[in-house]
Protein backbone atom coordinates (compact mmCIF):
# COMPACT_ATOMS: atom_id res chain seq x y z
CA MET A 1 -97.86 41.25 17.35
CA TYR A 2 -94.83 43.15 18.98
CA GLU A 3 -94.53 46.92 18.15
CA LEU A 4 -90.74 47.67 18.19
CA SER A 5 -89.64 50.95 17.41
CA TYR A 6 -86.16 51.76 16.05
CA SER A 7 -85.00 53.61 19.24
CA ALA A 8 -85.98 50.75 21.43
CA LEU A 9 -84.02 48.37 19.18
CA ILE A 10 -80.97 50.47 19.39
CA LYS A 11 -81.50 50.66 23.10
CA SER A 12 -81.73 46.81 23.48
CA LEU A 13 -78.63 46.38 21.16
CA TYR A 14 -76.58 48.88 23.51
CA GLN A 15 -77.79 47.15 26.68
CA ASN A 16 -76.55 43.96 25.24
CA GLN A 17 -73.22 45.25 24.26
CA VAL A 18 -72.81 46.76 27.77
CA LYS A 19 -73.57 43.32 29.37
CA PHE A 20 -71.01 41.51 27.15
CA ARG A 21 -68.41 44.15 27.87
CA GLN A 22 -68.94 43.75 31.60
CA LYS A 23 -68.69 39.86 31.22
CA LYS A 24 -65.61 40.20 29.13
CA ALA A 25 -64.08 42.52 31.59
CA SER A 26 -64.69 40.29 34.61
CA TYR A 27 -63.29 37.30 32.48
CA ASN A 28 -60.32 39.25 31.99
CA PHE A 29 -59.79 40.16 35.64
CA TYR A 30 -60.12 36.50 36.80
CA ASN A 31 -57.88 35.39 33.94
CA TRP A 32 -55.35 37.88 35.07
CA LEU A 33 -55.73 36.78 38.68
CA PHE A 34 -55.21 33.22 37.84
CA LYS A 35 -52.08 33.87 35.93
CA PHE A 36 -50.82 36.19 38.77
CA ASN A 37 -51.45 33.29 41.43
CA VAL A 38 -49.63 30.69 39.19
CA ARG A 39 -46.84 32.95 38.80
CA LEU A 40 -46.66 33.78 42.36
CA PHE A 41 -46.69 29.96 43.27
CA TYR A 42 -43.84 29.15 40.76
CA GLY A 43 -41.76 32.02 42.26
CA LEU A 44 -42.38 30.80 45.79
CA VAL A 45 -41.30 27.21 44.53
CA ALA A 46 -38.18 28.75 42.78
CA CYS A 47 -37.28 30.64 45.95
CA ALA A 48 -37.70 27.51 48.16
CA LEU A 49 -35.53 25.50 45.72
CA LEU A 50 -32.78 28.11 45.59
CA ARG A 51 -32.69 28.38 49.46
CA PHE A 52 -32.51 24.39 49.78
CA THR A 53 -29.69 24.21 47.11
CA THR A 54 -27.66 26.89 48.58
CA SER A 55 -27.94 25.62 51.96
CA ALA A 56 -27.04 22.21 50.88
CA ILE A 57 -24.07 23.48 49.10
CA ILE A 58 -22.97 25.39 52.00
CA ALA A 59 -23.32 22.20 54.24
CA VAL A 60 -21.24 20.28 51.78
CA LEU A 61 -18.35 22.81 51.68
CA PRO A 62 -15.47 22.05 53.86
CA ASP A 63 -14.75 24.27 56.87
CA ASP A 64 -11.82 26.41 56.79
């Protein structure tokens, strides 16, 4: 049979909570990184579309 004292039980619960917090922190970091990369990609696409449309409009405009 196992003899588990009260302090050992508290210590094991605390260690499990620390492990869970570390996993949650890494998940939050990777989630933020993914969102940041998606926003960066959409920003670059928007800039490319804006540049393409402005150059197309300038090319269509008549020369003075």
